[in-house]
């Protein structure tokens, strides 16, 4: 009997919690529409809440228009199942521009290239968007390549496309986001060809990328060789994560180690890459007393 009472109590508390969240949501919406409150800087529209799940296409389009007209909204979170390829079309039918949004979270919505295509006009007119999270969607290669091109003139500094089904990348050097600093591509299927494309982000004196996260892809020693070659002269990248790439052998990891600390001679040490400070790779199982590469 007590367990039944406890269960009923927990359900009541959960209901009260969601009711309070819904009241806050409605108050935030009103502030955004009025566009005259310093408190209207964040909007949480995650799919965790039933009032978000129950929004119609018309509701999403109206919300998009309200956000477009806001000059104070800085952060928008419509992740965790809030959207799908249909409702995102409605949202971005209304949301075509923003001069205030800096952070946009669209993670874990199952979005495909269709969803990305609907975002393009907004991305081309989001003058202050610095952080874009599209992780845990189904963008695949076509969606990622379209997204990257759409960010050509964007102020975006951080792009998260982890676990998005990406296996090939096409980067046009004329369409590289000019301010990109952090690129998260963990849990995809990027291989040697992808490394060849990513190397374009690390070439030249105007390279901006500081962190490249490639954990758990399909990179092998050939991919490592491409990255090592371009990083010989790179002065921007400080972090490179290659953990979980089973195709990288001890020899491949050794090449990475020599990139940052070549002790073969004093000149080689001085010419090592001293910008790359955080290199994440698996343990190197090589005996330095017998391996001629060291």
Protein backbone atom coordinates (compact mmCIF):
# COMPACT_ATOMS: atom_id res chain seq x y z
CA UNK A 1 0.00 0.00 0.00
CA UNK A 2 2.84 2.35 0.90
CA UNK A 3 4.52 1.67 -2.46
CA UNK A 4 1.30 2.65 -4.24
CA UNK A 5 1.19 5.89 -2.29
CA UNK A 6 4.86 6.57 -3.09
CA UNK A 7 4.21 5.95 -6.78
CA UNK A 8 1.22 8.29 -6.76
CA UNK A 9 3.26 10.92 -4.97
CA UNK A 10 6.11 10.68 -7.48
CA UNK A 11 3.63 11.04 -10.37
CA UNK A 12 2.08 14.09 -8.77
CA UNK A 13 5.47 15.70 -8.24
CA UNK A 14 6.42 15.01 -11.87
CA UNK A 15 3.16 16.56 -13.06
CA UNK A 16 3.69 19.61 -10.90
CA UNK A 17 7.24 19.88 -12.20
CA UNK A 18 6.07 19.85 -15.82
CA UNK A 19 3.29 22.32 -15.06
CA UNK A 20 5.85 24.68 -13.62
CA UNK A 21 8.09 24.24 -16.66
CA UNK A 22 5.12 24.95 -18.93
CA UNK A 23 4.30 28.15 -17.03
CA UNK A 24 7.92 29.23 -17.40
CA UNK A 25 7.79 28.33 -21.11
CA UNK A 26 4.68 30.45 -21.69
CA UNK A 27 6.21 33.34 -19.76
CA UNK A 28 9.41 33.10 -21.83
CA UNK A 29 7.38 33.05 -25.05
CA UNK A 30 5.52 36.18 -23.97
CA UNK A 31 8.78 37.97 -23.17
CA UNK A 32 10.19 37.02 -26.59
CA UNK A 33 7.08 38.30 -28.35
CA UNK A 34 7.12 41.56 -26.41
CA UNK A 35 10.88 41.84 -27.09
CA UNK A 36 11.37 44.26 -24.24
CA UNK A 37 12.70 42.13 -21.39
CA UNK A 38 16.28 41.48 -20.37
CA UNK A 39 15.12 38.03 -19.20
CA UNK A 40 14.15 36.90 -22.71
CA UNK A 41 17.62 35.62 -23.57
CA UNK A 42 17.09 31.84 -23.44
CA UNK A 43 14.35 29.52 -24.69
CA UNK A 44 14.21 25.84 -23.70
CA UNK A 45 12.02 23.97 -26.20
CA UNK A 46 13.44 20.49 -25.75
CA UNK A 47 11.34 17.48 -26.62
CA UNK A 48 11.39 16.34 -23.00
CA UNK A 49 8.17 18.22 -22.37
CA UNK A 50 4.68 17.28 -23.55
CA UNK A 51 3.78 20.88 -24.35
CA UNK A 52 6.64 20.92 -26.87
CA UNK A 53 5.75 17.50 -28.28
CA UNK A 54 2.17 18.69 -28.82
CA UNK A 55 3.12 21.75 -30.87
CA UNK A 56 1.58 21.84 -34.35
CA UNK A 57 3.30 22.90 -37.56
CA UNK A 58 1.54 26.25 -37.22
CA UNK A 59 2.85 26.63 -33.66
CA UNK A 60 6.42 26.00 -34.83
CA UNK A 61 6.12 28.49 -37.68
CA UNK A 62 4.74 31.13 -35.32
CA UNK A 63 7.58 30.46 -32.89
CA UNK A 64 10.03 30.90 -35.76
CA UNK A 65 8.57 34.30 -36.60
CA UNK A 66 8.71 35.38 -32.96
CA UNK A 67 12.38 34.38 -32.74
CA UNK A 68 13.20 36.18 -35.99
CA UNK A 69 11.71 39.38 -34.57
CA UNK A 70 13.50 39.08 -31.23
CA UNK A 71 16.59 41.19 -30.62
CA UNK A 72 17.33 39.71 -27.19
CA UNK A 73 17.16 35.92 -27.58
CA UNK A 74 20.70 34.52 -27.32
CA UNK A 75 20.23 30.77 -26.78
CA UNK A 76 17.69 28.39 -28.38
CA UNK A 77 17.48 24.72 -27.39
CA UNK A 78 15.16 22.60 -29.55
CA UNK A 79 16.96 19.31 -29.03
CA UNK A 80 16.09 15.94 -27.48
CA UNK A 81 13.35 15.00 -29.92
CA UNK A 82 11.60 18.37 -30.13
CA UNK A 83 11.76 18.40 -33.92
CA UNK A 84 11.69 16.13 -36.94
CA UNK A 85 12.12 16.71 -40.67
CA UNK A 86 8.53 17.96 -40.93
CA UNK A 87 8.35 20.31 -37.95
CA UNK A 88 11.78 21.81 -38.63
CA UNK A 89 10.47 22.90 -42.04
CA UNK A 90 7.75 24.83 -40.22
CA UNK A 91 10.17 26.34 -37.68
CA UNK A 92 12.53 27.65 -40.33
CA UNK A 93 9.69 28.80 -42.54
CA UNK A 94 9.21 31.42 -39.85
CA UNK A 95 12.79 31.63 -38.58
CA UNK A 96 14.68 33.07 -41.55
CA UNK A 97 17.09 35.41 -39.80
CA UNK A 98 18.43 36.47 -36.41
CA UNK A 99 20.67 39.24 -35.20
CA UNK A 100 20.80 37.97 -31.63
CA UNK A 101 21.01 34.15 -31.44
CA UNK A 102 24.50 32.94 -30.59
CA UNK A 103 23.79 29.37 -29.47
CA UNK A 104 21.47 26.95 -31.29
CA UNK A 105 21.04 23.36 -30.10
CA UNK A 106 19.26 20.93 -32.44
CA UNK A 107 20.78 17.68 -31.17
CA UNK A 108 19.08 14.26 -31.15
CA UNK A 109 16.16 15.05 -33.45
CA UNK A 110 16.68 12.45 -36.17
CA UNK A 111 17.12 15.22 -38.73
CA UNK A 112 18.28 14.35 -42.25
CA UNK A 113 19.49 16.40 -45.19
CA UNK A 114 15.87 17.60 -45.54
CA UNK A 115 16.15 19.32 -42.18
CA UNK A 116 19.50 20.87 -43.07
CA UNK A 117 18.11 22.21 -46.34
CA UNK A 118 15.33 24.02 -44.47
CA UNK A 119 17.94 25.72 -42.24
CA UNK A 120 20.10 27.14 -45.01
CA UNK A 121 18.37 30.57 -45.41
CA UNK A 122 18.56 31.10 -41.64
CA UNK A 123 22.21 30.07 -41.43
CA UNK A 124 23.06 32.54 -44.16
CA UNK A 125 21.37 35.37 -42.21
CA UNK A 126 22.27 34.51 -38.60
CA UNK A 127 24.73 37.30 -38.00
CA UNK A 128 25.82 36.31 -34.48
CA UNK A 129 25.50 32.52 -34.43
CA UNK A 130 28.71 31.19 -32.87
CA UNK A 131 27.70 27.73 -31.58
CA UNK A 132 25.68 25.17 -33.59
CA UNK A 133 24.95 21.70 -32.20
CA UNK A 134 23.49 19.15 -34.62
CA UNK A 135 24.92 16.05 -32.96
CA UNK A 136 23.03 12.75 -32.86
CA UNK A 137 21.05 13.40 -36.02
CA UNK A 138 20.98 11.56 -39.35
CA UNK A 139 22.60 14.25 -41.49
CA UNK A 140 24.87 11.79 -43.31
CA UNK A 141 27.51 13.07 -45.69
CA UNK A 142 25.15 15.03 -47.93
CA UNK A 143 23.69 16.94 -45.01
CA UNK A 144 27.08 17.76 -43.50
CA UNK A 145 28.49 18.98 -46.81
CA UNK A 146 25.42 21.16 -47.37
CA UNK A 147 25.69 22.53 -43.84
CA UNK A 148 29.36 23.36 -44.25
CA UNK A 149 28.73 25.29 -47.44
CA UNK A 150 25.87 27.20 -45.83
CA UNK A 151 28.27 28.43 -43.12
CA UNK A 152 30.60 30.01 -45.67
CA UNK A 153 30.13 33.57 -44.36
CA UNK A 154 28.94 32.62 -40.88
CA UNK A 155 30.50 33.77 -37.59
CA UNK A 156 30.14 30.16 -36.34
CA UNK A 157 33.05 29.13 -34.13
CA UNK A 158 31.85 25.75 -32.83
CA UNK A 159 30.15 23.06 -34.94
CA UNK A 160 29.06 19.77 -33.39
CA UNK A 161 28.15 16.95 -35.80
CA UNK A 162 28.99 13.95 -33.64
CA UNK A 163 27.19 10.71 -34.45
CA UNK A 164 25.56 12.00 -37.64
CA UNK A 165 26.26 9.12 -40.03
CA UNK A 166 29.00 10.99 -41.90
CA UNK A 167 31.33 8.80 -43.98
CA UNK A 168 32.60 11.16 -46.67
CA UNK A 169 33.38 14.86 -46.59
CA UNK A 170 33.72 17.36 -49.40
CA UNK A 171 35.26 20.69 -48.45
CA UNK A 172 35.49 23.44 -51.04
CA UNK A 173 38.26 25.85 -50.02
CA UNK A 174 36.01 28.69 -51.18
CA UNK A 175 33.33 27.67 -48.68
CA UNK A 176 35.26 27.25 -45.43
CA UNK A 177 33.62 28.96 -42.41
CA UNK A 178 36.08 31.79 -41.74
CA UNK A 179 35.78 31.71 -37.94
CA UNK A 180 35.57 27.97 -37.24
CA UNK A 181 37.58 27.05 -34.12
CA UNK A 182 36.02 23.86 -32.72
CA UNK A 183 34.87 20.97 -34.94
CA UNK A 184 33.35 17.89 -33.31
CA UNK A 185 33.00 14.83 -35.57
CA UNK A 186 33.15 11.96 -33.09
CA UNK A 187 31.32 8.68 -33.72
CA UNK A 188 31.13 8.92 -37.50
CA UNK A 189 32.72 6.83 -40.28
CA UNK A 190 35.33 9.26 -41.59
CA UNK A 191 38.26 7.52 -43.31
CA UNK A 192 41.36 8.46 -45.30
CA UNK A 193 39.43 10.44 -47.92
CA UNK A 194 37.78 12.42 -45.14
CA UNK A 195 41.18 13.22 -43.63
CA UNK A 196 42.28 14.52 -47.02
CA UNK A 197 39.33 16.94 -47.00
CA UNK A 198 39.75 17.94 -43.36
CA UNK A 199 43.38 18.77 -44.09
CA UNK A 200 42.10 21.72 -46.12
CA UNK A 201 40.97 23.31 -42.85
CA UNK A 202 44.53 23.19 -41.57
CA UNK A 203 46.37 24.64 -44.54
CA UNK A 204 47.80 28.13 -44.87
CA UNK A 205 48.53 30.95 -42.50
CA UNK A 206 44.85 31.87 -42.22
CA UNK A 207 43.81 28.49 -40.75
CA UNK A 208 41.54 29.05 -37.74
CA UNK A 209 40.74 25.54 -36.46
CA UNK A 210 42.03 24.94 -32.92
CA UNK A 211 40.30 21.71 -31.93
CA UNK A 212 39.43 18.70 -34.11
CA UNK A 213 37.63 15.82 -32.40
CA UNK A 214 37.64 12.59 -34.46
CA UNK A 215 37.13 9.95 -31.78
CA UNK A 216 35.75 6.63 -33.03
CA UNK A 217 35.87 7.02 -36.81
CA UNK A 218 37.51 4.80 -39.44
CA UNK A 219 40.85 6.54 -39.73
CA UNK A 220 43.90 4.39 -40.42
CA UNK A 221 47.63 4.98 -40.90
CA UNK A 222 47.06 6.52 -44.34
CA UNK A 223 44.74 9.07 -42.79
CA UNK A 224 47.28 9.75 -40.06
CA UNK A 225 49.96 10.39 -42.67
CA UNK A 226 47.75 13.01 -44.34
CA UNK A 227 47.10 14.77 -41.03
CA UNK A 228 50.75 14.63 -39.96
CA UNK A 229 51.84 16.10 -43.29
CA UNK A 230 49.51 19.11 -43.08
CA UNK A 231 50.25 19.66 -39.39
CA UNK A 232 53.98 20.01 -40.02
CA UNK A 233 53.39 23.67 -40.82
CA UNK A 234 50.09 24.34 -39.07
CA UNK A 235 50.07 27.01 -36.36
CA UNK A 236 46.41 26.89 -35.27
CA UNK A 237 45.46 23.39 -34.06
CA UNK A 238 46.00 22.81 -30.34
CA UNK A 239 43.86 19.66 -29.85
CA UNK A 240 43.51 16.53 -31.98
CA UNK A 241 41.48 13.54 -30.77
CA UNK A 242 42.05 10.28 -32.64
CA UNK A 243 41.12 7.82 -29.90
CA UNK A 244 38.97 4.85 -30.89
CA UNK A 245 40.22 4.65 -34.49
CA UNK A 246 41.17 0.99 -34.62
CA UNK A 247 42.84 1.30 -38.02
CA UNK A 248 45.69 3.34 -36.54
CA UNK A 249 48.60 1.06 -35.73
CA UNK A 250 51.52 1.64 -33.38
CA UNK A 251 53.49 2.92 -36.36
CA UNK A 252 50.78 5.44 -37.13
CA UNK A 253 50.72 6.60 -33.52
CA UNK A 254 54.48 6.85 -33.58
CA UNK A 255 54.28 9.24 -36.54
CA UNK A 256 51.94 11.41 -34.51
CA UNK A 257 54.30 11.35 -31.56
CA UNK A 258 57.23 12.38 -33.74
CA UNK A 259 55.11 15.23 -35.11
CA UNK A 260 55.01 16.88 -31.71
CA UNK A 261 58.34 15.65 -30.32
CA UNK A 262 60.88 14.39 -32.84
CA UNK A 263 63.99 13.56 -30.81
CA UNK A 264 66.04 12.17 -33.69
CA UNK A 265 68.23 15.28 -33.57
CA UNK A 266 68.20 18.79 -32.10
CA UNK A 267 67.09 20.36 -35.38
CA UNK A 268 64.19 17.90 -35.69
CA UNK A 269 63.13 18.65 -32.12
CA UNK A 270 63.14 22.38 -32.79
CA UNK A 271 61.13 21.86 -35.97
CA UNK A 272 58.47 19.71 -34.28
CA UNK A 273 54.92 21.01 -34.03
CA UNK A 274 54.83 22.94 -30.74
CA UNK A 275 51.32 24.29 -31.26
CA UNK A 276 49.55 20.93 -30.94
CA UNK A 277 49.43 20.55 -27.15
CA UNK A 278 46.74 17.90 -26.72
CA UNK A 279 47.08 14.77 -28.84
CA UNK A 280 44.75 11.92 -27.92
CA UNK A 281 45.74 8.49 -29.27
CA UNK A 282 45.87 4.95 -27.95
CA UNK A 283 48.84 3.68 -25.96
CA UNK A 284 51.91 3.01 -28.12
CA UNK A 285 53.20 -0.50 -27.53
CA UNK A 286 56.72 -0.10 -28.92
CA UNK A 287 60.06 -0.88 -27.29
CA UNK A 288 62.20 2.26 -27.73
CA UNK A 289 65.38 0.22 -27.37
CA UNK A 290 64.67 -1.84 -30.45
CA UNK A 291 62.46 0.28 -32.70
CA UNK A 292 64.51 2.05 -35.34
CA UNK A 293 61.83 4.72 -35.92
CA UNK A 294 62.45 6.31 -32.51
